[in-house]
């Protein structure tokens, strides 16, 4: 079976774009959304700093991803999970406990 060559320019830009979407949403959109909805600065700083934790510990858990699965499977599953998480955040914003639910989804 002959392997086909795929030009890296056809998939690397979209991969890095998809990799940056969750970071941008947590870093900027969540902070702006919580501030607009009336969360205090101290609560905002504490909870959004906890949301950044996956990027802080990325060097620790990335070897496990390489051992137990392929990167392609990992990226696909994480994109699916993130789509459900973002849908959960958008559906929880009108509820009385929106802040707690949105933190759980993120």
PDB file of N, CA and C in Angstrom:
ATOM      1  N   UNK A   1       0.843  -1.176   0.000  1.00  0.00           N
ATOM      2  CA  UNK A   1       0.000   0.000   0.000  1.00  0.00           C
ATOM      3  C   UNK A   1       0.892   1.244   0.000  1.00  0.00           C
ATOM      4  N   UNK A   2       0.659   2.096  -0.929  1.00  0.00           N
ATOM      5  CA  UNK A   2       1.484   3.280  -1.094  1.00  0.00           C
ATOM      6  C   UNK A   2       0.956   4.421  -0.223  1.00  0.00           C
ATOM      7  N   UNK A   3       1.869   5.036   0.527  1.00  0.00           N
ATOM      8  CA  UNK A   3       1.482   6.180   1.347  1.00  0.00           C
ATOM      9  C   UNK A   3       1.468   7.438   0.490  1.00  0.00           C
ATOM     10  N   UNK A   4       0.480   8.248   0.719  1.00  0.00           N
ATOM     11  CA  UNK A   4       0.406   9.506  -0.012  1.00  0.00           C
ATOM     12  C   UNK A   4       1.057  10.604   0.815  1.00  0.00           C
ATOM     13  N   UNK A   5       1.708  11.492   0.144  1.00  0.00           N
ATOM     14  CA  UNK A   5       2.365  12.617   0.799  1.00  0.00           C
ATOM     15  C   UNK A   5       1.380  13.773   0.918  1.00  0.00           C
ATOM     16  N   UNK A   6       1.272  14.290   2.138  1.00  0.00           N
ATOM     17  CA  UNK A   6       0.420  15.459   2.354  1.00  0.00           C
ATOM     18  C   UNK A   6       1.299  16.644   2.693  1.00  0.00           C
ATOM     19  N   UNK A   7       1.097  17.684   1.996  1.00  0.00           N
ATOM     20  CA  UNK A   7       1.842  18.904   2.238  1.00  0.00           C
ATOM     21  C   UNK A   7       1.494  19.441   3.626  1.00  0.00           C
ATOM     22  N   UNK A   8       2.487  19.715   4.486  1.00  0.00           N
ATOM     23  CA  UNK A   8       2.199  20.219   5.831  1.00  0.00           C
ATOM     24  C   UNK A   8       1.435  21.535   5.838  1.00  0.00           C
ATOM     25  N   UNK A   9       1.564  22.318   4.770  1.00  0.00           N
ATOM     26  CA  UNK A   9       0.840  23.584   4.721  1.00  0.00           C
ATOM     27  C   UNK A   9      -0.668  23.384   4.597  1.00  0.00           C
ATOM     28  N   UNK A  10      -1.098  22.181   4.315  1.00  0.00           N
ATOM     29  CA  UNK A  10      -2.537  21.935   4.209  1.00  0.00           C
ATOM     30  C   UNK A  10      -3.179  21.637   5.554  1.00  0.00           C
ATOM     31  N   UNK A  11      -2.403  21.277   6.568  1.00  0.00           N
ATOM     32  CA  UNK A  11      -3.021  20.934   7.844  1.00  0.00           C
ATOM     33  C   UNK A  11      -2.399  21.617   9.052  1.00  0.00           C
ATOM     34  N   UNK A  12      -1.173  22.067   9.010  1.00  0.00           N
ATOM     35  CA  UNK A  12      -0.549  22.687  10.185  1.00  0.00           C
ATOM     36  C   UNK A  12      -1.212  24.015  10.567  1.00  0.00           C
ATOM     37  N   UNK A  13      -1.511  24.921   9.641  1.00  0.00           N
ATOM     38  CA  UNK A  13      -2.173  26.163  10.060  1.00  0.00           C
ATOM     39  C   UNK A  13      -3.528  25.927  10.727  1.00  0.00           C
ATOM     40  N   UNK A  14      -4.320  25.007  10.186  1.00  0.00           N
ATOM     41  CA  UNK A  14      -5.618  24.750  10.811  1.00  0.00           C
ATOM     42  C   UNK A  14      -5.460  24.068  12.162  1.00  0.00           C
ATOM     43  N   UNK A  15      -4.449  23.235  12.311  1.00  0.00           N
ATOM     44  CA  UNK A  15      -4.196  22.586  13.595  1.00  0.00           C
ATOM     45  C   UNK A  15      -3.856  23.617  14.667  1.00  0.00           C
ATOM     46  N   UNK A  16      -2.972  24.538  14.356  1.00  0.00           N
ATOM     47  CA  UNK A  16      -2.602  25.552  15.339  1.00  0.00           C
ATOM     48  C   UNK A  16      -3.737  26.532  15.596  1.00  0.00           C
ATOM     49  N   UNK A  17      -4.545  26.810  14.598  1.00  0.00           N
ATOM     50  CA  UNK A  17      -5.726  27.646  14.813  1.00  0.00           C
ATOM     51  C   UNK A  17      -6.687  26.956  15.772  1.00  0.00           C
ATOM     52  N   UNK A  18      -6.946  25.667  15.552  1.00  0.00           N
ATOM     53  CA  UNK A  18      -7.837  24.909  16.434  1.00  0.00           C
ATOM     54  C   UNK A  18      -7.249  24.782  17.834  1.00  0.00           C
ATOM     55  N   UNK A  19      -5.939  24.719  17.937  1.00  0.00           N
ATOM     56  CA  UNK A  19      -5.287  24.627  19.238  1.00  0.00           C
ATOM     57  C   UNK A  19      -5.407  25.937  20.015  1.00  0.00           C
ATOM     58  N   UNK A  20      -5.456  27.053  19.316  1.00  0.00           N
ATOM     59  CA  UNK A  20      -5.521  28.343  19.977  1.00  0.00           C
ATOM     60  C   UNK A  20      -6.910  28.783  20.386  1.00  0.00           C
ATOM     61  N   UNK A  21      -7.948  28.201  19.809  1.00  0.00           N
ATOM     62  CA  UNK A  21      -9.318  28.613  20.120  1.00  0.00           C
ATOM     63  C   UNK A  21      -9.649  28.466  21.603  1.00  0.00           C
ATOM     64  N   UNK A  22      -9.403  27.314  22.243  1.00  0.00           N
ATOM     65  CA  UNK A  22      -9.735  27.212  23.672  1.00  0.00           C
ATOM     66  C   UNK A  22      -8.964  28.210  24.533  1.00  0.00           C
ATOM     67  N   UNK A  23      -7.717  28.450  24.207  1.00  0.00           N
ATOM     68  CA  UNK A  23      -6.912  29.398  24.978  1.00  0.00           C
ATOM     69  C   UNK A  23      -7.489  30.806  24.876  1.00  0.00           C
ATOM     70  N   UNK A  24      -7.857  31.218  23.684  1.00  0.00           N
ATOM     71  CA  UNK A  24      -8.431  32.555  23.494  1.00  0.00           C
ATOM     72  C   UNK A  24      -9.759  32.675  24.225  1.00  0.00           C
ATOM     73  N   UNK A  25     -10.585  31.641  24.161  1.00  0.00           N
ATOM     74  CA  UNK A  25     -11.882  31.700  24.835  1.00  0.00           C
ATOM     75  C   UNK A  25     -11.701  31.807  26.338  1.00  0.00           C
ATOM     76  N   UNK A  26     -10.803  31.020  26.902  1.00  0.00           N
ATOM     77  CA  UNK A  26     -10.588  31.083  28.347  1.00  0.00           C
ATOM     78  C   UNK A  26      -9.881  32.376  28.735  1.00  0.00           C
ATOM     79  N   UNK A  27      -8.894  32.773  27.969  1.00  0.00           N
ATOM     80  CA  UNK A  27      -8.076  33.931  28.335  1.00  0.00           C
ATOM     81  C   UNK A  27      -8.835  35.245  28.203  1.00  0.00           C
ATOM     82  N   UNK A  28      -9.549  35.437  27.124  1.00  0.00           N
ATOM     83  CA  UNK A  28     -10.157  36.732  26.861  1.00  0.00           C
ATOM     84  C   UNK A  28     -11.680  36.724  26.965  1.00  0.00           C
ATOM     85  N   UNK A  29     -12.316  35.785  26.306  1.00  0.00           N
ATOM     86  CA  UNK A  29     -13.779  35.796  26.246  1.00  0.00           C
ATOM     87  C   UNK A  29     -14.389  35.527  27.615  1.00  0.00           C
ATOM     88  N   UNK A  30     -13.874  34.525  28.340  1.00  0.00           N
ATOM     89  CA  UNK A  30     -14.431  34.212  29.656  1.00  0.00           C
ATOM     90  C   UNK A  30     -14.223  35.376  30.618  1.00  0.00           C
ATOM     91  N   UNK A  31     -13.043  35.969  30.613  1.00  0.00           N
ATOM     92  CA  UNK A  31     -12.775  37.105  31.507  1.00  0.00           C
ATOM     93  C   UNK A  31     -13.703  38.271  31.206  1.00  0.00           C
ATOM     94  N   UNK A  32     -13.872  38.588  29.943  1.00  0.00           N
ATOM     95  CA  UNK A  32     -14.754  39.688  29.559  1.00  0.00           C
ATOM     96  C   UNK A  32     -16.210  39.369  29.882  1.00  0.00           C
ATOM     97  N   UNK A  33     -16.621  38.133  29.641  1.00  0.00           N
ATOM     98  CA  UNK A  33     -17.997  37.737  29.924  1.00  0.00           C
ATOM     99  C   UNK A  33     -18.295  37.831  31.420  1.00  0.00           C
ATOM    100  N   UNK A  34     -17.395  37.306  32.245  1.00  0.00           N
ATOM    101  CA  UNK A  34     -17.624  37.347  33.694  1.00  0.00           C
ATOM    102  C   UNK A  34     -17.622  38.780  34.214  1.00  0.00           C
ATOM    103  N   UNK A  35     -16.752  39.620  33.696  1.00  0.00           N
ATOM    104  CA  UNK A  35     -16.707  41.018  34.130  1.00  0.00           C
ATOM    105  C   UNK A  35     -17.975  41.747  33.716  1.00  0.00           C
ATOM    106  N   UNK A  36     -18.455  41.496  32.511  1.00  0.00           N
ATOM    107  CA  UNK A  36     -19.686  42.127  32.036  1.00  0.00           C
ATOM    108  C   UNK A  36     -20.889  41.685  32.861  1.00  0.00           C
ATOM    109  N   UNK A  37     -20.860  40.451  33.338  1.00  0.00           N
ATOM    110  CA  UNK A  37     -21.992  39.927  34.102  1.00  0.00           C
ATOM    111  C   UNK A  37     -21.887  40.229  35.594  1.00  0.00           C
ATOM    112  N   UNK A  38     -20.905  41.036  35.999  1.00  0.00           N
ATOM    113  CA  UNK A  38     -20.875  41.557  37.355  1.00  0.00           C
ATOM    114  C   UNK A  38     -20.052  40.784  38.370  1.00  0.00           C
ATOM    115  N   UNK A  39     -19.150  39.963  37.951  1.00  0.00           N
ATOM    116  CA  UNK A  39     -18.297  39.233  38.886  1.00  0.00           C
ATOM    117  C   UNK A  39     -17.205  40.184  39.382  1.00  0.00           C
ATOM    118  N   UNK A  40     -16.910  40.121  40.686  1.00  0.00           N
ATOM    119  CA  UNK A  40     -15.900  41.014  41.258  1.00  0.00           C
ATOM    120  C   UNK A  40     -14.511  40.681  40.718  1.00  0.00           C
ATOM    121  N   UNK A  41     -13.626  41.657  40.809  1.00  0.00           N
ATOM    122  CA  UNK A  41     -12.268  41.469  40.288  1.00  0.00           C
ATOM    123  C   UNK A  41     -11.521  40.355  41.008  1.00  0.00           C
ATOM    124  N   UNK A  42     -11.703  40.241  42.328  1.00  0.00           N
ATOM    125  CA  UNK A  42     -10.990  39.195  43.070  1.00  0.00           C
ATOM    126  C   UNK A  42     -11.487  37.806  42.677  1.00  0.00           C
ATOM    127  N   UNK A  43     -12.790  37.634  42.549  1.00  0.00           N
ATOM    128  CA  UNK A  43     -13.330  36.339  42.110  1.00  0.00           C
ATOM    129  C   UNK A  43     -12.917  36.037  40.678  1.00  0.00           C
ATOM    130  N   UNK A  44     -12.953  37.048  39.847  1.00  0.00           N
ATOM    131  CA  UNK A  44     -12.557  36.875  38.448  1.00  0.00           C
ATOM    132  C   UNK A  44     -11.101  36.435  38.340  1.00  0.00           C
ATOM    133  N   UNK A  45     -10.226  37.065  39.099  1.00  0.00           N
ATOM    134  CA  UNK A  45      -8.807  36.707  39.056  1.00  0.00           C
ATOM    135  C   UNK A  45      -8.583  35.286  39.561  1.00  0.00           C
ATOM    136  N   UNK A  46      -9.249  34.914  40.645  1.00  0.00           N
ATOM    137  CA  UNK A  46      -9.055  33.576  41.205  1.00  0.00           C
ATOM    138  C   UNK A  46      -9.555  32.491  40.262  1.00  0.00           C
ATOM    139  N   UNK A  47     -10.788  32.619  39.804  1.00  0.00           N
ATOM    140  CA  UNK A  47     -11.381  31.547  39.004  1.00  0.00           C
ATOM    141  C   UNK A  47     -10.781  31.452  37.606  1.00  0.00           C
ATOM    142  N   UNK A  48     -10.459  32.565  36.995  1.00  0.00           N
ATOM    143  CA  UNK A  48      -9.841  32.460  35.674  1.00  0.00           C
ATOM    144  C   UNK A  48      -8.406  31.945  35.764  1.00  0.00           C
ATOM    145  N   UNK A  49      -7.728  32.210  36.884  1.00  0.00           N
ATOM    146  CA  UNK A  49      -6.389  31.626  37.036  1.00  0.00           C
ATOM    147  C   UNK A  49      -6.474  30.111  37.149  1.00  0.00           C
ATOM    148  N   UNK A  50      -7.533  29.589  37.748  1.00  0.00           N
ATOM    149  CA  UNK A  50      -7.714  28.134  37.787  1.00  0.00           C
ATOM    150  C   UNK A  50      -8.063  27.574  36.409  1.00  0.00           C
ATOM    151  N   UNK A  51      -8.739  28.372  35.592  1.00  0.00           N
ATOM    152  CA  UNK A  51      -9.053  27.916  34.240  1.00  0.00           C
ATOM    153  C   UNK A  51      -7.803  27.818  33.368  1.00  0.00           C
ATOM    154  N   UNK A  52      -6.745  28.550  33.708  1.00  0.00           N
ATOM    155  CA  UNK A  52      -5.488  28.496  32.953  1.00  0.00           C
ATOM    156  C   UNK A  52      -4.638  27.291  33.327  1.00  0.00           C
ATOM    157  N   UNK A  53      -5.021  26.566  34.361  1.00  0.00           N
ATOM    158  CA  UNK A  53      -4.218  25.454  34.872  1.00  0.00           C
ATOM    159  C   UNK A  53      -3.855  24.403  33.823  1.00  0.00           C
ATOM    160  N   UNK A  54      -4.743  24.002  32.915  1.00  0.00           N
ATOM    161  CA  UNK A  54      -4.336  23.011  31.906  1.00  0.00           C
ATOM    162  C   UNK A  54      -3.144  23.448  31.058  1.00  0.00           C
ATOM    163  N   UNK A  55      -3.014  24.725  30.784  1.00  0.00           N
ATOM    164  CA  UNK A  55      -1.870  25.190  29.999  1.00  0.00           C
ATOM    165  C   UNK A  55      -0.598  25.205  30.840  1.00  0.00           C
ATOM    166  N   UNK A  56      -0.746  25.377  32.143  1.00  0.00           N
ATOM    167  CA  UNK A  56       0.419  25.374  33.028  1.00  0.00           C
ATOM    168  C   UNK A  56       0.990  23.969  33.168  1.00  0.00           C
ATOM    169  N   UNK A  57       0.111  22.973  33.291  1.00  0.00           N
ATOM    170  CA  UNK A  57       0.582  21.596  33.495  1.00  0.00           C
ATOM    171  C   UNK A  57       0.714  20.816  32.189  1.00  0.00           C
ATOM    172  N   UNK A  58       0.603  21.486  31.071  1.00  0.00           N
ATOM    173  CA  UNK A  58       0.709  20.816  29.772  1.00  0.00           C
ATOM    174  C   UNK A  58       2.006  20.029  29.603  1.00  0.00           C
ATOM    175  N   UNK A  59       3.155  20.530  30.033  1.00  0.00           N
ATOM    176  CA  UNK A  59       4.371  19.710  29.900  1.00  0.00           C
ATOM    177  C   UNK A  59       4.319  18.413  30.704  1.00  0.00           C
ATOM    178  N   UNK A  60       3.498  18.369  31.740  1.00  0.00           N
ATOM    179  CA  UNK A  60       3.406  17.156  32.557  1.00  0.00           C
ATOM    180  C   UNK A  60       2.485  16.106  31.946  1.00  0.00           C
ATOM    181  N   UNK A  61       1.381  16.525  31.337  1.00  0.00           N
ATOM    182  CA  UNK A  61       0.446  15.530  30.808  1.00  0.00           C
ATOM    183  C   UNK A  61       0.638  15.234  29.330  1.00  0.00           C
ATOM    184  N   UNK A  62       1.415  16.013  28.624  1.00  0.00           N
ATOM    185  CA  UNK A  62       1.608  15.739  27.198  1.00  0.00           C
ATOM    186  C   UNK A  62       2.334  14.421  26.918  1.00  0.00           C
ATOM    187  N   UNK A  63       3.291  13.956  27.732  1.00  0.00           N
ATOM    188  CA  UNK A  63       3.876  12.634  27.457  1.00  0.00           C
ATOM    189  C   UNK A  63       2.863  11.491  27.555  1.00  0.00           C
ATOM    190  N   UNK A  64       1.882  11.624  28.442  1.00  0.00           N
ATOM    191  CA  UNK A  64       0.853  10.587  28.554  1.00  0.00           C
ATOM    192  C   UNK A  64      -0.029  10.529  27.313  1.00  0.00           C
ATOM    193  N   UNK A  65      -0.268  11.670  26.711  1.00  0.00           N
ATOM    194  CA  UNK A  65      -1.035  11.694  25.461  1.00  0.00           C
ATOM    195  C   UNK A  65      -0.280  10.934  24.383  1.00  0.00           C
ATOM    196  N   UNK A  66       1.016  11.146  24.302  1.00  0.00           N
ATOM    197  CA  UNK A  66       1.827  10.463  23.289  1.00  0.00           C
ATOM    198  C   UNK A  66       1.917   8.963  23.542  1.00  0.00           C
ATOM    199  N   UNK A  67       1.879   8.547  24.802  1.00  0.00           N
ATOM    200  CA  UNK A  67       1.989   7.124  25.135  1.00  0.00           C
ATOM    201  C   UNK A  67       0.681   6.383  24.862  1.00  0.00           C
ATOM    202  N   UNK A  68      -0.439   6.951  25.278  1.00  0.00           N
ATOM    203  CA  UNK A  68      -1.705   6.225  25.261  1.00  0.00           C
ATOM    204  C   UNK A  68      -2.554   6.429  24.015  1.00  0.00           C
ATOM    205  N   UNK A  69      -2.252   7.402  23.210  1.00  0.00           N
ATOM    206  CA  UNK A  69      -3.092   7.660  22.045  1.00  0.00           C
ATOM    207  C   UNK A  69      -2.277   8.403  20.987  1.00  0.00           C
ATOM    208  N   UNK A  70      -2.853   8.474  19.806  1.00  0.00           N
ATOM    209  CA  UNK A  70      -2.210   9.273  18.768  1.00  0.00           C
ATOM    210  C   UNK A  70      -2.640  10.730  18.925  1.00  0.00           C
ATOM    211  N   UNK A  71      -1.852  11.610  18.406  1.00  0.00           N
ATOM    212  CA  UNK A  71      -2.189  13.028  18.518  1.00  0.00           C
ATOM    213  C   UNK A  71      -3.462  13.363  17.755  1.00  0.00           C
ATOM    214  N   UNK A  72      -3.662  12.692  16.639  1.00  0.00           N
ATOM    215  CA  UNK A  72      -4.862  12.956  15.848  1.00  0.00           C
ATOM    216  C   UNK A  72      -6.120  12.595  16.639  1.00  0.00           C
ATOM    217  N   UNK A  73      -6.119  11.411  17.264  1.00  0.00           N
ATOM    218  CA  UNK A  73      -7.282  11.021  18.076  1.00  0.00           C
ATOM    219  C   UNK A  73      -7.485  11.991  19.232  1.00  0.00           C
ATOM    220  N   UNK A  74      -6.386  12.367  19.877  1.00  0.00           N
ATOM    221  CA  UNK A  74      -6.469  13.286  21.004  1.00  0.00           C
ATOM    222  C   UNK A  74      -7.081  14.619  20.572  1.00  0.00           C
ATOM    223  N   UNK A  75      -6.638  15.154  19.467  1.00  0.00           N
ATOM    224  CA  UNK A  75      -7.143  16.441  18.995  1.00  0.00           C
ATOM    225  C   UNK A  75      -8.620  16.346  18.636  1.00  0.00           C
ATOM    226  N   UNK A  76      -9.002  15.281  17.957  1.00  0.00           N
ATOM    227  CA  UNK A  76     -10.408  15.127  17.573  1.00  0.00           C
ATOM    228  C   UNK A  76     -11.299  15.004  18.803  1.00  0.00           C
ATOM    229  N   UNK A  77     -10.909  14.163  19.762  1.00  0.00           N
ATOM    230  CA  UNK A  77     -11.733  13.996  20.962  1.00  0.00           C
ATOM    231  C   UNK A  77     -11.796  15.275  21.792  1.00  0.00           C
ATOM    232  N   UNK A  78     -10.705  15.983  21.902  1.00  0.00           N
ATOM    233  CA  UNK A  78     -10.716  17.228  22.672  1.00  0.00           C
ATOM    234  C   UNK A  78     -11.573  18.294  21.991  1.00  0.00           C
ATOM    235  N   UNK A  79     -11.569  18.340  20.675  1.00  0.00           N
ATOM    236  CA  UNK A  79     -12.425  19.296  19.974  1.00  0.00           C
ATOM    237  C   UNK A  79     -13.907  18.971  20.182  1.00  0.00           C
ATOM    238  N   UNK A  80     -14.241  17.690  20.190  1.00  0.00           N
ATOM    239  CA  UNK A  80     -15.626  17.285  20.452  1.00  0.00           C
ATOM    240  C   UNK A  80     -16.029  17.645  21.874  1.00  0.00           C
ATOM    241  N   UNK A  81     -15.158  17.351  22.835  1.00  0.00           N
ATOM    242  CA  UNK A  81     -15.452  17.671  24.237  1.00  0.00           C
ATOM    243  C   UNK A  81     -15.580  19.179  24.428  1.00  0.00           C
ATOM    244  N   UNK A  82     -14.702  19.952  23.796  1.00  0.00           N
ATOM    245  CA  UNK A  82     -14.781  21.407  23.908  1.00  0.00           C
ATOM    246  C   UNK A  82     -16.053  21.964  23.283  1.00  0.00           C
ATOM    247  N   UNK A  83     -16.505  21.379  22.201  1.00  0.00           N
ATOM    248  CA  UNK A  83     -17.761  21.831  21.594  1.00  0.00           C
ATOM    249  C   UNK A  83     -18.921  21.635  22.565  1.00  0.00           C
ATOM    250  N   UNK A  84     -18.964  20.486  23.229  1.00  0.00           N
ATOM    251  CA  UNK A  84     -20.011  20.254  24.226  1.00  0.00           C
ATOM    252  C   UNK A  84     -19.851  21.184  25.429  1.00  0.00           C
ATOM    253  N   UNK A  85     -18.617  21.440  25.846  1.00  0.00           N
ATOM    254  CA  UNK A  85     -18.383  22.336  26.981  1.00  0.00           C
ATOM    255  C   UNK A  85     -18.836  23.759  26.664  1.00  0.00           C
ATOM    256  N   UNK A  86     -18.498  24.249  25.478  1.00  0.00           N
ATOM    257  CA  UNK A  86     -18.909  25.598  25.103  1.00  0.00           C
ATOM    258  C   UNK A  86     -20.422  25.686  24.930  1.00  0.00           C
ATOM    259  N   UNK A  87     -21.039  24.629  24.430  1.00  0.00           N
ATOM    260  CA  UNK A  87     -22.505  24.603  24.344  1.00  0.00           C
ATOM    261  C   UNK A  87     -23.111  24.628  25.742  1.00  0.00           C
ATOM    262  N   UNK A  88     -22.501  23.901  26.673  1.00  0.00           N
ATOM    263  CA  UNK A  88     -22.975  23.912  28.058  1.00  0.00           C
ATOM    264  C   UNK A  88     -22.866  25.282  28.691  1.00  0.00           C
ATOM    265  N   UNK A  89     -21.784  25.981  28.421  1.00  0.00           N
ATOM    266  CA  UNK A  89     -21.635  27.342  28.945  1.00  0.00           C
ATOM    267  C   UNK A  89     -22.720  28.240  28.376  1.00  0.00           C
ATOM    268  N   UNK A  90     -22.948  28.164  27.089  1.00  0.00           N
ATOM    269  CA  UNK A  90     -23.948  29.046  26.480  1.00  0.00           C
ATOM    270  C   UNK A  90     -25.358  28.739  26.970  1.00  0.00           C
ATOM    271  N   UNK A  91     -25.644  27.479  27.263  1.00  0.00           N
ATOM    272  CA  UNK A  91     -26.974  27.124  27.756  1.00  0.00           C
ATOM    273  C   UNK A  91     -27.154  27.427  29.240  1.00  0.00           C
ATOM    274  N   UNK A  92     -26.059  27.548  29.981  1.00  0.00           N
ATOM    275  CA  UNK A  92     -26.173  27.778  31.423  1.00  0.00           C
ATOM    276  C   UNK A  92     -26.229  29.254  31.798  1.00  0.00           C
ATOM    277  N   UNK A  93     -26.002  30.155  30.873  1.00  0.00           N
ATOM    278  CA  UNK A  93     -25.919  31.575  31.210  1.00  0.00           C
ATOM    279  C   UNK A  93     -27.235  32.183  31.677  1.00  0.00           C
ATOM    280  N   UNK A  94     -28.347  31.607  31.330  1.00  0.00           N
ATOM    281  CA  UNK A  94     -29.629  32.175  31.753  1.00  0.00           C
ATOM    282  C   UNK A  94     -30.131  31.575  33.068  1.00  0.00           C
ATOM    283  N   UNK A  95     -29.413  30.634  33.648  1.00  0.00           N
ATOM    284  CA  UNK A  95     -29.820  29.980  34.892  1.00  0.00           C
ATOM    285  C   UNK A  95     -29.345  30.774  36.107  1.00  0.00           C
ATOM    286  N   UNK A  96     -30.010  30.600  37.262  1.00  0.00           N
ATOM    287  CA  UNK A  96     -29.588  31.334  38.467  1.00  0.00           C
ATOM    288  C   UNK A  96     -28.168  30.992  38.931  1.00  0.00           C
ATOM    289  N   UNK A  97     -27.726  29.775  38.703  1.00  0.00           N
ATOM    290  CA  UNK A  97     -26.370  29.384  39.120  1.00  0.00           C
ATOM    291  C   UNK A  97     -25.427  29.357  37.917  1.00  0.00           C
ATOM    292  N   UNK A  98     -25.552  30.343  37.057  1.00  0.00           N
ATOM    293  CA  UNK A  98     -24.797  30.381  35.804  1.00  0.00           C
ATOM    294  C   UNK A  98     -23.297  30.402  36.022  1.00  0.00           C
ATOM    295  N   UNK A  99     -22.836  31.124  37.067  1.00  0.00           N
ATOM    296  CA  UNK A  99     -21.395  31.252  37.273  1.00  0.00           C
ATOM    297  C   UNK A  99     -20.768  29.901  37.613  1.00  0.00           C
ATOM    298  N   UNK A 100     -21.375  29.175  38.520  1.00  0.00           N
ATOM    299  CA  UNK A 100     -20.860  27.856  38.906  1.00  0.00           C
ATOM    300  C   UNK A 100     -20.907  26.888  37.737  1.00  0.00           C
ATOM    301  N   UNK A 101     -22.013  26.865  37.021  1.00  0.00           N
ATOM    302  CA  UNK A 101     -22.131  25.955  35.883  1.00  0.00           C
ATOM    303  C   UNK A 101     -21.144  26.296  34.771  1.00  0.00           C
ATOM    304  N   UNK A 102     -20.962  27.568  34.500  1.00  0.00           N
ATOM    305  CA  UNK A 102     -20.022  27.927  33.435  1.00  0.00           C
ATOM    306  C   UNK A 102     -18.592  27.560  33.813  1.00  0.00           C
ATOM    307  N   UNK A 103     -18.238  27.684  35.085  1.00  0.00           N
ATOM    308  CA  UNK A 103     -16.905  27.251  35.518  1.00  0.00           C
ATOM    309  C   UNK A 103     -16.749  25.743  35.406  1.00  0.00           C
ATOM    310  N   UNK A 104     -17.800  25.012  35.720  1.00  0.00           N
ATOM    311  CA  UNK A 104     -17.730  23.551  35.600  1.00  0.00           C
ATOM    312  C   UNK A 104     -17.576  23.119  34.145  1.00  0.00           C
ATOM    313  N   UNK A 105     -18.257  23.789  33.249  1.00  0.00           N
ATOM    314  CA  UNK A 105     -18.142  23.431  31.834  1.00  0.00           C
ATOM    315  C   UNK A 105     -16.782  23.806  31.255  1.00  0.00           C
ATOM    316  N   UNK A 106     -16.227  24.921  31.726  1.00  0.00           N
ATOM    317  CA  UNK A 106     -14.922  25.330  31.209  1.00  0.00           C
ATOM    318  C   UNK A 106     -13.829  24.546  31.886  1.00  0.00           C
TER     319      UNK A 106
END
